[in-house]
């Protein structure tokens, strides 16, 4: 009798297992889904993207007591700039230089010498704005060969347009050549044409020619 009961019990358990095994894949998928959901709920939220702050007009780097030279592809010196301190501004990609001295050689052989208490230049370094105790001297190739006096400009605010070979000022300026002196309220000087346009209260002192 006991073996018969044991056989019936095994048969009953086997049938239950057969029914349960049918649902095992479903139960497994359900447990995996529940586990994944719990992991997602427990995970920290993704970081909130931080909006980029607009660039402020503050220097991102500077140099002190520096001298920088620029050469062309042939290795010839194009320009040299030195100063007490240089500051670079990332918002405008511009530079400021205190106590600046500039020497620039043009393709036509002329040389530009400039000094000022403050120089500001744009990203392309095509325009130089010089302020406070400015002196700009243009020495042409003819001046180098024939030794005539160079042309010089003095003022508190002058602009040098490199690619156009021009010097401009909307402030009082003094133009000198040797002992000749011409003062005016504004200046437009074209170095290619050797023409100076002076406007507003022009006063000239010309030395006698020998």
N, C-alpha and C. Protein backbone atom coordinates (compact mmCIF):
# COMPACT_ATOMS: atom_id res chain seq x y z
N UNK A 1 0.83 -1.21 0.00
CA UNK A 1 0.00 0.00 0.00
C UNK A 1 0.87 1.27 0.00
N UNK A 2 1.94 1.28 0.71
CA UNK A 2 2.78 2.47 0.80
C UNK A 2 3.40 2.84 -0.53
N UNK A 3 3.90 1.78 -1.28
CA UNK A 3 4.43 2.18 -2.59
C UNK A 3 3.40 2.77 -3.50
N UNK A 4 2.18 2.37 -3.40
CA UNK A 4 1.12 2.93 -4.25
C UNK A 4 0.87 4.38 -3.91
N UNK A 5 0.85 4.71 -2.56
CA UNK A 5 0.65 6.10 -2.17
C UNK A 5 1.82 6.98 -2.65
N UNK A 6 3.03 6.39 -2.55
CA UNK A 6 4.20 7.16 -2.96
C UNK A 6 4.14 7.45 -4.46
N UNK A 7 3.67 6.47 -5.24
CA UNK A 7 3.57 6.67 -6.68
C UNK A 7 2.53 7.70 -7.03
N UNK A 8 1.42 7.65 -6.33
CA UNK A 8 0.39 8.66 -6.59
C UNK A 8 0.87 10.06 -6.21
N UNK A 9 1.64 10.13 -5.11
CA UNK A 9 2.15 11.46 -4.70
C UNK A 9 3.13 12.00 -5.71
N UNK A 10 3.96 11.13 -6.23
CA UNK A 10 4.91 11.60 -7.24
C UNK A 10 4.20 12.03 -8.51
N UNK A 11 3.14 11.31 -8.84
CA UNK A 11 2.38 11.67 -10.03
C UNK A 11 1.71 13.03 -9.86
N UNK A 12 1.21 13.28 -8.65
CA UNK A 12 0.53 14.58 -8.39
C UNK A 12 1.54 15.73 -8.44
N UNK A 13 2.71 15.49 -7.83
CA UNK A 13 3.74 16.53 -7.85
C UNK A 13 4.23 16.78 -9.27
N UNK A 14 4.33 15.71 -10.04
CA UNK A 14 4.77 15.88 -11.41
C UNK A 14 3.81 16.71 -12.23
N UNK A 15 2.52 16.50 -12.00
CA UNK A 15 1.53 17.29 -12.74
C UNK A 15 1.60 18.77 -12.35
N UNK A 16 1.78 19.00 -11.04
CA UNK A 16 1.90 20.41 -10.59
C UNK A 16 3.12 21.07 -11.23
N UNK A 17 4.23 20.34 -11.23
CA UNK A 17 5.47 20.89 -11.84
C UNK A 17 5.29 21.17 -13.32
N UNK A 18 4.55 20.26 -13.99
CA UNK A 18 4.31 20.49 -15.41
C UNK A 18 3.54 21.77 -15.64
N UNK A 19 2.52 22.03 -14.77
CA UNK A 19 1.74 23.27 -14.93
C UNK A 19 2.57 24.50 -14.59
N UNK A 20 3.38 24.36 -13.52
CA UNK A 20 4.19 25.51 -13.11
C UNK A 20 5.25 25.84 -14.15
N UNK A 21 5.86 24.79 -14.74
CA UNK A 21 6.94 25.02 -15.71
C UNK A 21 6.44 25.77 -16.95
N UNK A 22 5.13 25.65 -17.24
CA UNK A 22 4.59 26.39 -18.38
C UNK A 22 4.69 27.90 -18.16
N UNK A 23 4.53 28.33 -16.91
CA UNK A 23 4.51 29.76 -16.58
C UNK A 23 5.87 30.30 -16.12
N UNK A 24 6.86 29.40 -16.05
CA UNK A 24 8.17 29.87 -15.60
C UNK A 24 8.75 30.97 -16.50
N UNK A 25 8.72 30.85 -17.84
CA UNK A 25 9.24 31.95 -18.67
C UNK A 25 8.54 33.28 -18.42
N UNK A 26 7.20 33.19 -18.24
CA UNK A 26 6.45 34.42 -17.99
C UNK A 26 6.85 35.03 -16.65
N UNK A 27 6.97 34.15 -15.62
CA UNK A 27 7.37 34.64 -14.30
C UNK A 27 8.78 35.23 -14.35
N UNK A 28 9.67 34.56 -15.10
CA UNK A 28 11.05 35.07 -15.20
C UNK A 28 11.08 36.43 -15.86
N UNK A 29 10.32 36.59 -16.96
CA UNK A 29 10.27 37.89 -17.62
C UNK A 29 9.70 38.96 -16.71
N UNK A 30 8.69 38.56 -15.94
CA UNK A 30 8.09 39.52 -15.01
C UNK A 30 9.08 39.95 -13.94
N UNK A 31 9.84 38.97 -13.40
CA UNK A 31 10.83 39.32 -12.39
C UNK A 31 11.93 40.21 -12.96
N UNK A 32 12.38 39.90 -14.21
CA UNK A 32 13.39 40.75 -14.85
C UNK A 32 12.89 42.17 -15.07
N UNK A 33 11.64 42.29 -15.54
CA UNK A 33 11.06 43.61 -15.76
C UNK A 33 10.95 44.38 -14.45
N UNK A 34 10.53 43.67 -13.38
CA UNK A 34 10.41 44.32 -12.08
C UNK A 34 11.78 44.77 -11.58
N UNK A 35 12.80 43.89 -11.79
CA UNK A 35 14.14 44.27 -11.37
C UNK A 35 14.68 45.46 -12.15
N UNK A 36 14.43 45.47 -13.46
CA UNK A 36 14.88 46.61 -14.27
C UNK A 36 14.20 47.90 -13.84
N UNK A 37 12.90 47.81 -13.55
CA UNK A 37 12.15 48.99 -13.11
C UNK A 37 12.71 49.51 -11.80
N UNK A 38 13.05 48.58 -10.89
CA UNK A 38 13.59 48.99 -9.59
C UNK A 38 14.95 49.65 -9.76
N UNK A 39 15.78 49.08 -10.67
CA UNK A 39 17.09 49.68 -10.91
C UNK A 39 16.96 51.09 -11.47
N UNK A 40 16.02 51.27 -12.45
CA UNK A 40 15.82 52.60 -13.03
C UNK A 40 15.32 53.59 -11.99
N UNK A 41 14.42 53.13 -11.10
CA UNK A 41 13.91 54.02 -10.07
C UNK A 41 14.99 54.39 -9.05
N UNK A 42 15.92 53.44 -8.82
CA UNK A 42 16.96 53.68 -7.82
C UNK A 42 18.13 54.48 -8.37
N UNK A 43 18.32 54.47 -9.71
CA UNK A 43 19.45 55.18 -10.31
C UNK A 43 19.28 56.69 -10.15
N UNK A 44 20.37 57.43 -9.96
CA UNK A 44 20.26 58.90 -9.85
C UNK A 44 19.85 59.51 -11.18
N UNK A 45 19.12 60.62 -11.16
CA UNK A 45 18.69 61.26 -12.42
C UNK A 45 19.89 61.78 -13.18
N UNK A 46 19.79 61.85 -14.51
CA UNK A 46 20.91 62.37 -15.31
C UNK A 46 21.15 63.84 -14.98
N UNK A 47 22.40 64.27 -15.06
CA UNK A 47 22.70 65.68 -14.73
C UNK A 47 22.00 66.64 -15.69
N UNK A 48 21.52 67.72 -15.12
CA UNK A 48 20.85 68.74 -15.93
C UNK A 48 21.90 69.51 -16.73
N UNK A 49 21.76 69.62 -18.05
CA UNK A 49 22.76 70.36 -18.83
C UNK A 49 22.84 71.81 -18.38
N UNK A 50 24.07 72.27 -18.22
CA UNK A 50 24.30 73.64 -17.78
C UNK A 50 24.42 74.55 -19.00
N UNK A 51 23.61 75.58 -19.04
CA UNK A 51 23.64 76.51 -20.16
C UNK A 51 24.97 77.27 -20.16
N UNK A 52 25.53 77.43 -21.36
CA UNK A 52 26.79 78.14 -21.48
C UNK A 52 26.60 79.61 -21.16
N UNK A 53 27.47 80.10 -20.29
CA UNK A 53 27.40 81.51 -19.94
C UNK A 53 28.03 82.37 -21.03
N UNK A 54 27.42 83.49 -21.34
CA UNK A 54 28.02 84.36 -22.36
C UNK A 54 29.38 84.86 -21.90
N UNK A 55 30.29 84.98 -22.87
CA UNK A 55 31.63 85.46 -22.55
C UNK A 55 31.58 86.91 -22.10
N UNK A 56 32.30 87.20 -21.04
CA UNK A 56 32.38 88.56 -20.53
C UNK A 56 33.67 89.20 -21.03
N UNK A 57 33.65 90.51 -21.06
CA UNK A 57 34.84 91.24 -21.55
C UNK A 57 35.87 91.29 -20.43
N UNK A 58 36.46 90.12 -20.18
CA UNK A 58 37.50 89.98 -19.19
C UNK A 58 38.65 89.20 -19.80
N UNK A 59 39.89 89.58 -19.51
CA UNK A 59 41.03 88.88 -20.13
C UNK A 59 41.12 87.43 -19.68
N UNK A 60 41.43 86.54 -20.63
CA UNK A 60 41.62 85.13 -20.28
C UNK A 60 43.10 84.77 -20.16
N UNK A 61 43.98 85.61 -20.70
CA UNK A 61 45.42 85.43 -20.44
C UNK A 61 46.12 86.76 -20.69
N UNK A 62 47.35 86.85 -20.19
CA UNK A 62 48.12 88.08 -20.34
C UNK A 62 49.60 87.74 -20.38
N UNK A 63 50.39 88.68 -20.88
CA UNK A 63 51.85 88.58 -20.87
C UNK A 63 52.41 89.90 -20.36
N UNK A 64 53.53 89.83 -19.67
CA UNK A 64 54.17 91.03 -19.14
C UNK A 64 55.61 91.11 -19.62
N UNK A 65 56.01 92.33 -19.96
CA UNK A 65 57.38 92.60 -20.43
C UNK A 65 57.74 91.61 -21.54
N UNK A 66 57.01 91.70 -22.62
CA UNK A 66 57.11 90.73 -23.70
C UNK A 66 57.61 91.39 -24.98
N UNK A 67 58.00 90.55 -25.93
CA UNK A 67 58.36 90.98 -27.28
C UNK A 67 58.00 89.84 -28.22
N UNK A 68 57.21 90.14 -29.26
CA UNK A 68 56.74 89.13 -30.20
C UNK A 68 57.11 89.57 -31.61
N UNK A 69 57.67 88.64 -32.38
CA UNK A 69 58.03 88.91 -33.76
C UNK A 69 57.20 88.04 -34.69
N UNK A 70 56.83 88.61 -35.85
CA UNK A 70 56.04 87.90 -36.85
C UNK A 70 56.83 87.84 -38.15
N UNK A 71 56.95 86.62 -38.72
CA UNK A 71 57.72 86.42 -39.94
C UNK A 71 56.81 85.93 -41.06
N UNK A 72 57.20 86.24 -42.31
CA UNK A 72 56.43 85.74 -43.45
C UNK A 72 56.93 84.35 -43.82
N UNK A 73 56.35 83.78 -44.89
CA UNK A 73 56.68 82.42 -45.28
C UNK A 73 58.14 82.27 -45.72
N UNK A 74 58.73 83.38 -46.16
CA UNK A 74 60.13 83.35 -46.59
C UNK A 74 61.10 83.55 -45.43
N UNK A 75 60.55 83.74 -44.24
CA UNK A 75 61.40 83.94 -43.08
C UNK A 75 61.81 85.37 -42.84
N UNK A 76 61.23 86.32 -43.60
CA UNK A 76 61.54 87.73 -43.42
C UNK A 76 60.67 88.32 -42.31
N UNK A 77 61.26 89.20 -41.54
CA UNK A 77 60.54 89.83 -40.44
C UNK A 77 59.46 90.75 -40.97
N UNK A 78 58.21 90.56 -40.50
CA UNK A 78 57.10 91.42 -40.90
C UNK A 78 56.83 92.49 -39.86
N UNK A 79 56.83 92.10 -38.61
CA UNK A 79 56.51 93.08 -37.56
C UNK A 79 57.09 92.60 -36.24
N UNK A 80 57.25 93.56 -35.36
CA UNK A 80 57.71 93.27 -34.00
C UNK A 80 56.95 94.18 -33.05
N UNK A 81 56.40 93.59 -32.00
CA UNK A 81 55.64 94.36 -31.03
C UNK A 81 56.12 93.98 -29.63
N UNK A 82 56.34 94.98 -28.80
CA UNK A 82 56.75 94.75 -27.43
C UNK A 82 55.95 95.68 -26.53
N UNK A 83 55.87 95.32 -25.27
CA UNK A 83 55.08 96.14 -24.36
C UNK A 83 55.26 95.75 -22.91
N UNK A 84 54.66 96.56 -22.07
CA UNK A 84 54.73 96.33 -20.63
C UNK A 84 53.77 95.21 -20.21
N UNK A 85 52.57 95.20 -20.79
CA UNK A 85 51.61 94.12 -20.50
C UNK A 85 50.63 94.00 -21.65
N UNK A 86 50.31 92.73 -22.00
CA UNK A 86 49.32 92.44 -23.04
C UNK A 86 48.20 91.63 -22.43
N UNK A 87 46.94 91.99 -22.81
CA UNK A 87 45.76 91.26 -22.32
C UNK A 87 44.92 90.83 -23.52
N UNK A 88 44.44 89.58 -23.48
CA UNK A 88 43.59 89.04 -24.55
C UNK A 88 42.18 88.88 -24.03
N UNK A 89 41.18 89.32 -24.85
CA UNK A 89 39.77 89.25 -24.46
C UNK A 89 39.07 88.25 -25.37
N UNK A 90 38.55 87.13 -24.82
CA UNK A 90 37.97 86.07 -25.67
C UNK A 90 36.65 86.45 -26.32
N UNK A 91 35.88 87.38 -25.73
CA UNK A 91 34.57 87.71 -26.30
C UNK A 91 34.71 88.41 -27.65
N UNK A 92 35.74 89.21 -27.81
CA UNK A 92 35.96 89.92 -29.08
C UNK A 92 37.24 89.46 -29.79
N UNK A 93 37.98 88.54 -29.17
CA UNK A 93 39.26 88.07 -29.70
C UNK A 93 40.17 89.25 -30.01
N UNK A 94 40.15 90.23 -29.13
CA UNK A 94 40.97 91.43 -29.30
C UNK A 94 42.06 91.46 -28.23
N UNK A 95 42.99 92.40 -28.39
CA UNK A 95 44.11 92.52 -27.46
C UNK A 95 44.31 93.97 -27.06
N UNK A 96 44.80 94.17 -25.87
CA UNK A 96 45.24 95.47 -25.38
C UNK A 96 46.68 95.35 -24.91
N UNK A 97 47.46 96.39 -25.21
CA UNK A 97 48.87 96.39 -24.83
C UNK A 97 49.18 97.72 -24.16
N UNK A 98 49.78 97.65 -22.97
CA UNK A 98 50.23 98.85 -22.27
C UNK A 98 51.69 99.11 -22.59
N UNK A 99 52.04 100.38 -22.73
CA UNK A 99 53.43 100.75 -23.00
C UNK A 99 53.97 100.07 -24.23
N UNK A 100 53.28 100.23 -25.35
CA UNK A 100 53.58 99.47 -26.55
C UNK A 100 54.62 100.16 -27.43
N UNK A 101 55.41 99.33 -28.10
CA UNK A 101 56.31 99.77 -29.16
C UNK A 101 56.10 98.82 -30.34
N UNK A 102 55.86 99.38 -31.51
CA UNK A 102 55.52 98.59 -32.69
C UNK A 102 56.45 98.97 -33.84
N UNK A 103 56.91 97.94 -34.54
CA UNK A 103 57.72 98.13 -35.74
C UNK A 103 57.17 97.20 -36.81
N UNK A 104 56.70 97.79 -37.91
CA UNK A 104 56.07 97.02 -38.97
C UNK A 104 56.74 97.33 -40.30
N UNK A 105 57.07 96.27 -41.05
CA UNK A 105 57.70 96.42 -42.36
C UNK A 105 56.68 96.10 -43.44
N UNK A 106 56.45 97.05 -44.34
CA UNK A 106 55.50 96.86 -45.42
C UNK A 106 56.18 96.24 -46.63
N UNK A 107 55.39 95.56 -47.50
CA UNK A 107 55.98 94.94 -48.70
C UNK A 107 56.68 95.94 -49.61
N UNK A 108 56.24 97.22 -49.59
CA UNK A 108 56.87 98.21 -50.47
C UNK A 108 58.20 98.73 -49.92
N UNK A 109 58.61 98.22 -48.78
CA UNK A 109 59.90 98.61 -48.22
C UNK A 109 59.82 99.68 -47.15
N UNK A 110 58.66 100.29 -46.95
CA UNK A 110 58.54 101.32 -45.91
C UNK A 110 58.41 100.66 -44.53
N UNK A 111 58.72 101.45 -43.52
CA UNK A 111 58.71 100.97 -42.15
C UNK A 111 57.81 101.89 -41.32
N UNK A 112 57.00 101.28 -40.47
CA UNK A 112 56.16 102.04 -39.55
C UNK A 112 56.65 101.80 -38.13
N UNK A 113 56.96 102.88 -37.43
CA UNK A 113 57.36 102.83 -36.03
C UNK A 113 56.29 103.53 -35.20
N UNK A 114 55.85 102.89 -34.15
CA UNK A 114 54.79 103.48 -33.33
C UNK A 114 55.03 103.18 -31.86
N UNK A 115 54.61 104.11 -31.04
CA UNK A 115 54.65 103.89 -29.60
C UNK A 115 53.51 104.67 -28.97
N UNK A 116 52.98 104.12 -27.87
CA UNK A 116 51.84 104.73 -27.18
C UNK A 116 51.71 104.10 -25.80
N UNK A 117 50.90 104.72 -24.98
CA UNK A 117 50.64 104.17 -23.66
C UNK A 117 49.66 102.99 -23.73
N UNK A 118 48.79 103.00 -24.76
CA UNK A 118 47.81 101.92 -24.88
C UNK A 118 47.55 101.63 -26.35
N UNK A 119 47.57 100.35 -26.70
CA UNK A 119 47.23 99.90 -28.05
C UNK A 119 46.12 98.86 -27.96
N UNK A 120 45.12 98.99 -28.86
CA UNK A 120 44.05 98.01 -28.97
C UNK A 120 43.99 97.53 -30.42
N UNK A 121 43.88 96.22 -30.61
CA UNK A 121 43.80 95.67 -31.96
C UNK A 121 42.67 94.67 -32.06
N UNK A 122 42.12 94.51 -33.28
CA UNK A 122 41.01 93.60 -33.49
C UNK A 122 41.52 92.19 -33.69
N UNK A 123 40.56 91.24 -33.93
CA UNK A 123 40.91 89.83 -34.08
C UNK A 123 41.83 89.61 -35.27
N UNK A 124 41.60 90.33 -36.36
CA UNK A 124 42.42 90.17 -37.56
C UNK A 124 43.75 90.91 -37.46
N UNK A 125 43.92 91.72 -36.41
CA UNK A 125 45.11 92.55 -36.24
C UNK A 125 45.37 93.38 -37.50
N UNK A 126 44.30 93.90 -38.06
CA UNK A 126 44.39 94.74 -39.25
C UNK A 126 44.22 96.21 -38.90
N UNK A 127 43.68 96.48 -37.71
CA UNK A 127 43.48 97.86 -37.26
C UNK A 127 44.08 98.01 -35.87
N UNK A 128 44.95 99.00 -35.72
CA UNK A 128 45.56 99.31 -34.43
C UNK A 128 45.05 100.67 -33.97
N UNK A 129 44.54 100.72 -32.76
CA UNK A 129 44.11 101.98 -32.16
C UNK A 129 45.10 102.31 -31.05
N UNK A 130 45.77 103.44 -31.20
CA UNK A 130 46.78 103.86 -30.22
C UNK A 130 46.27 105.09 -29.48
N UNK A 131 46.46 105.07 -28.15
CA UNK A 131 45.93 106.14 -27.32
C UNK A 131 47.00 106.59 -26.32
N UNK A 132 46.94 107.88 -26.02
CA UNK A 132 47.77 108.53 -25.00
C UNK A 132 49.25 108.56 -25.39
N UNK A 133 49.73 109.78 -25.64
CA UNK A 133 51.13 110.03 -26.00
C UNK A 133 51.55 109.16 -27.19
N UNK A 134 50.78 109.30 -28.25
CA UNK A 134 51.01 108.48 -29.44
C UNK A 134 52.02 109.17 -30.35
N UNK A 135 52.93 108.39 -30.88
CA UNK A 135 53.84 108.87 -31.92
C UNK A 135 53.98 107.76 -32.96
N UNK A 136 53.66 108.10 -34.23
CA UNK A 136 53.78 107.16 -35.34
C UNK A 136 54.70 107.79 -36.38
N UNK A 137 55.71 107.05 -36.79
CA UNK A 137 56.68 107.53 -37.78
C UNK A 137 56.66 106.60 -38.97
N UNK A 138 56.46 107.17 -40.15
CA UNK A 138 56.49 106.40 -41.40
C UNK A 138 57.78 106.71 -42.13
N UNK A 139 58.60 105.69 -42.30
CA UNK A 139 59.85 105.83 -43.02
C UNK A 139 59.70 105.09 -44.33
N UNK A 140 59.64 105.83 -45.44
CA UNK A 140 59.46 105.20 -46.74
C UNK A 140 60.78 104.67 -47.28
N UNK A 141 60.70 103.87 -48.34
CA UNK A 141 61.91 103.35 -48.97
C UNK A 141 62.76 104.49 -49.52
N UNK A 142 62.09 105.51 -50.03
CA UNK A 142 62.84 106.68 -50.53
C UNK A 142 63.58 107.37 -49.40
N UNK A 143 62.95 107.39 -48.22
CA UNK A 143 63.60 108.03 -47.08
C UNK A 143 64.85 107.28 -46.68
N UNK A 144 64.79 105.94 -46.79
CA UNK A 144 65.95 105.14 -46.42
C UNK A 144 67.09 105.39 -47.39
N UNK A 145 66.78 105.51 -48.70
CA UNK A 145 67.82 105.64 -49.71
C UNK A 145 68.32 107.09 -49.85
N UNK A 146 67.39 108.06 -49.79
CA UNK A 146 67.75 109.45 -50.07
C UNK A 146 67.90 110.28 -48.80
N UNK A 147 67.58 109.72 -47.67
CA UNK A 147 67.72 110.37 -46.38
C UNK A 147 66.89 111.64 -46.19
N UNK A 148 65.71 111.78 -46.80
CA UNK A 148 64.88 112.93 -46.43
C UNK A 148 64.24 112.65 -45.07
N UNK A 149 63.77 113.68 -44.38
CA UNK A 149 63.18 113.45 -43.06
C UNK A 149 61.90 112.63 -43.17
N UNK A 150 61.69 111.70 -42.25
CA UNK A 150 60.46 110.90 -42.28
C UNK A 150 59.26 111.71 -41.80
N UNK A 151 58.08 111.20 -42.09
CA UNK A 151 56.82 111.83 -41.66
C UNK A 151 56.43 111.21 -40.32
N UNK A 152 56.07 112.07 -39.36
CA UNK A 152 55.68 111.59 -38.03
C UNK A 152 54.35 112.22 -37.63
N UNK A 153 53.58 111.49 -36.84
CA UNK A 153 52.26 111.93 -36.37
C UNK A 153 52.24 111.81 -34.85
N UNK A 154 51.73 112.86 -34.20
CA UNK A 154 51.66 112.90 -32.75
C UNK A 154 50.23 113.22 -32.33
N UNK A 155 49.76 112.59 -31.29
CA UNK A 155 48.42 112.87 -30.80
C UNK A 155 48.07 111.98 -29.63
N UNK A 156 46.79 112.04 -29.24
CA UNK A 156 46.30 111.23 -28.12
C UNK A 156 45.44 110.06 -28.58
N UNK A 157 45.10 110.04 -29.88
CA UNK A 157 44.23 108.95 -30.37
C UNK A 157 44.40 108.84 -31.88
N UNK A 158 45.07 107.78 -32.33
CA UNK A 158 45.30 107.57 -33.76
C UNK A 158 45.00 106.11 -34.11
N UNK A 159 44.55 105.90 -35.34
CA UNK A 159 44.26 104.55 -35.85
C UNK A 159 45.19 104.25 -37.02
N UNK A 160 45.72 103.04 -37.02
CA UNK A 160 46.56 102.56 -38.12
C UNK A 160 45.81 101.43 -38.81
N UNK A 161 45.48 101.62 -40.10
CA UNK A 161 44.83 100.60 -40.90
C UNK A 161 45.91 99.93 -41.75
N UNK A 162 46.29 98.73 -41.35
CA UNK A 162 47.48 98.09 -41.90
C UNK A 162 47.32 97.79 -43.38
N UNK A 163 46.27 97.04 -43.74
CA UNK A 163 46.12 96.60 -45.14
C UNK A 163 45.88 97.78 -46.08
N UNK A 164 45.28 98.86 -45.60
CA UNK A 164 45.01 100.03 -46.44
C UNK A 164 46.15 101.04 -46.42
N UNK A 165 47.15 100.83 -45.57
CA UNK A 165 48.27 101.77 -45.46
C UNK A 165 47.78 103.18 -45.17
N UNK A 166 46.89 103.28 -44.17
CA UNK A 166 46.35 104.60 -43.81
C UNK A 166 46.51 104.85 -42.32
N UNK A 167 46.58 106.12 -41.98
CA UNK A 167 46.57 106.57 -40.59
C UNK A 167 45.45 107.59 -40.46
N UNK A 168 44.60 107.41 -39.44
CA UNK A 168 43.44 108.29 -39.27
C UNK A 168 43.34 108.75 -37.83
N UNK A 169 42.69 109.90 -37.67
CA UNK A 169 42.40 110.40 -36.34
C UNK A 169 41.26 111.40 -36.41
N UNK A 170 40.33 111.28 -35.48
CA UNK A 170 39.25 112.27 -35.33
C UNK A 170 39.52 113.18 -34.13
N UNK A 171 40.74 113.18 -33.66
CA UNK A 171 41.15 114.01 -32.54
C UNK A 171 42.30 114.91 -32.99
N UNK A 172 42.63 115.94 -32.23
CA UNK A 172 43.73 116.82 -32.61
C UNK A 172 45.01 116.05 -32.84
N UNK A 173 45.71 116.41 -33.90
CA UNK A 173 46.91 115.69 -34.29
C UNK A 173 47.94 116.68 -34.80
N UNK A 174 49.20 116.32 -34.63
CA UNK A 174 50.31 117.13 -35.12
C UNK A 174 51.11 116.27 -36.10
N UNK A 175 51.32 116.80 -37.31
CA UNK A 175 52.07 116.11 -38.34
C UNK A 175 53.38 116.87 -38.55
N UNK A 176 54.50 116.15 -38.49
CA UNK A 176 55.80 116.79 -38.64
C UNK A 176 56.61 116.09 -39.72
N UNK A 177 57.46 116.88 -40.35
CA UNK A 177 58.45 116.36 -41.29
C UNK A 177 59.64 117.29 -41.26
N UNK A 178 60.70 116.82 -40.64
CA UNK A 178 61.83 117.71 -40.40
C UNK A 178 61.40 118.84 -39.48
N UNK A 179 61.60 120.09 -39.95
CA UNK A 179 61.18 121.26 -39.17
C UNK A 179 59.79 121.75 -39.54
N UNK A 180 59.11 121.10 -40.47
CA UNK A 180 57.74 121.46 -40.83
C UNK A 180 56.77 120.87 -39.81
N UNK A 181 55.80 121.70 -39.41
CA UNK A 181 54.81 121.26 -38.42
C UNK A 181 53.42 121.70 -38.89
N UNK A 182 52.48 120.75 -38.90
CA UNK A 182 51.09 121.06 -39.27
C UNK A 182 50.18 120.45 -38.21
N UNK A 183 49.36 121.28 -37.59
CA UNK A 183 48.40 120.84 -36.57
C UNK A 183 46.99 120.94 -37.13
N UNK A 184 46.13 120.01 -36.75
CA UNK A 184 44.74 120.00 -37.23
C UNK A 184 43.88 119.24 -36.24
N UNK A 185 42.56 119.33 -36.45
CA UNK A 185 41.61 118.63 -35.57
C UNK A 185 41.32 117.20 -36.02
N UNK A 186 41.65 116.87 -37.26
CA UNK A 186 41.44 115.50 -37.75
C UNK A 186 42.44 115.22 -38.87
N UNK A 187 42.64 113.93 -39.14
CA UNK A 187 43.67 113.54 -40.12
C UNK A 187 43.22 112.31 -40.88
N UNK A 188 43.48 112.30 -42.19
CA UNK A 188 43.37 111.12 -43.04
C UNK A 188 44.64 111.08 -43.89
N UNK A 189 45.51 110.12 -43.61
CA UNK A 189 46.78 110.06 -44.33
C UNK A 189 46.85 108.76 -45.11
N UNK A 190 47.04 108.86 -46.43
CA UNK A 190 47.17 107.70 -47.31
C UNK A 190 48.64 107.55 -47.68
N UNK A 191 49.27 106.51 -47.15
CA UNK A 191 50.71 106.34 -47.38
C UNK A 191 51.01 105.91 -48.81
N UNK A 192 50.08 105.24 -49.46
CA UNK A 192 50.31 104.82 -50.84
C UNK A 192 50.33 106.02 -51.79
N UNK A 193 49.44 106.96 -51.55
CA UNK A 193 49.38 108.15 -52.40
C UNK A 193 50.23 109.30 -51.87
N UNK A 194 50.75 109.15 -50.63
CA UNK A 194 51.50 110.22 -49.98
C UNK A 194 50.65 111.49 -49.88
N UNK A 195 49.40 111.31 -49.51
CA UNK A 195 48.46 112.43 -49.41
C UNK A 195 47.93 112.49 -47.99
N UNK A 196 47.98 113.70 -47.41
CA UNK A 196 47.46 113.93 -46.07
C UNK A 196 46.29 114.90 -46.15
N UNK A 197 45.14 114.48 -45.62
CA UNK A 197 43.94 115.32 -45.58
C UNK A 197 43.74 115.76 -44.13
N UNK A 198 44.00 117.02 -43.83
CA UNK A 198 43.87 117.58 -42.48
C UNK A 198 42.68 118.54 -42.47
N UNK A 199 41.85 118.43 -41.47
CA UNK A 199 40.63 119.22 -41.40
C UNK A 199 40.53 119.90 -40.04
N UNK A 200 39.84 121.06 -40.03
CA UNK A 200 39.50 121.73 -38.79
C UNK A 200 40.65 122.48 -38.12
N UNK A 201 40.61 123.79 -38.20
CA UNK A 201 41.59 124.65 -37.52
C UNK A 201 43.02 124.21 -37.82
N UNK A 202 43.34 124.17 -39.10
CA UNK A 202 44.67 123.75 -39.54
C UNK A 202 45.65 124.89 -39.34
N UNK A 203 46.77 124.59 -38.70
CA UNK A 203 47.83 125.57 -38.47
C UNK A 203 49.14 124.96 -38.93
N UNK A 204 49.89 125.68 -39.74
CA UNK A 204 51.11 125.13 -40.32
C UNK A 204 52.29 126.07 -40.07
N UNK A 205 53.42 125.46 -39.79
CA UNK A 205 54.69 126.16 -39.70
C UNK A 205 55.68 125.45 -40.59
N UNK A 206 56.07 126.13 -41.69
CA UNK A 206 56.94 125.50 -42.67
C UNK A 206 58.31 126.15 -42.65
N UNK A 207 59.31 125.30 -42.55
CA UNK A 207 60.68 125.82 -42.54
C UNK A 207 61.10 126.24 -43.94
N UNK A 208 61.91 127.29 -44.08
CA UNK A 208 62.36 127.73 -45.41
C UNK A 208 63.22 126.66 -46.07
N UNK A 209 63.03 126.50 -47.37
CA UNK A 209 63.79 125.52 -48.11
C UNK A 209 65.11 126.15 -48.59
N UNK A 210 66.16 125.38 -48.48
CA UNK A 210 67.46 125.86 -48.92
C UNK A 210 67.75 125.45 -50.35
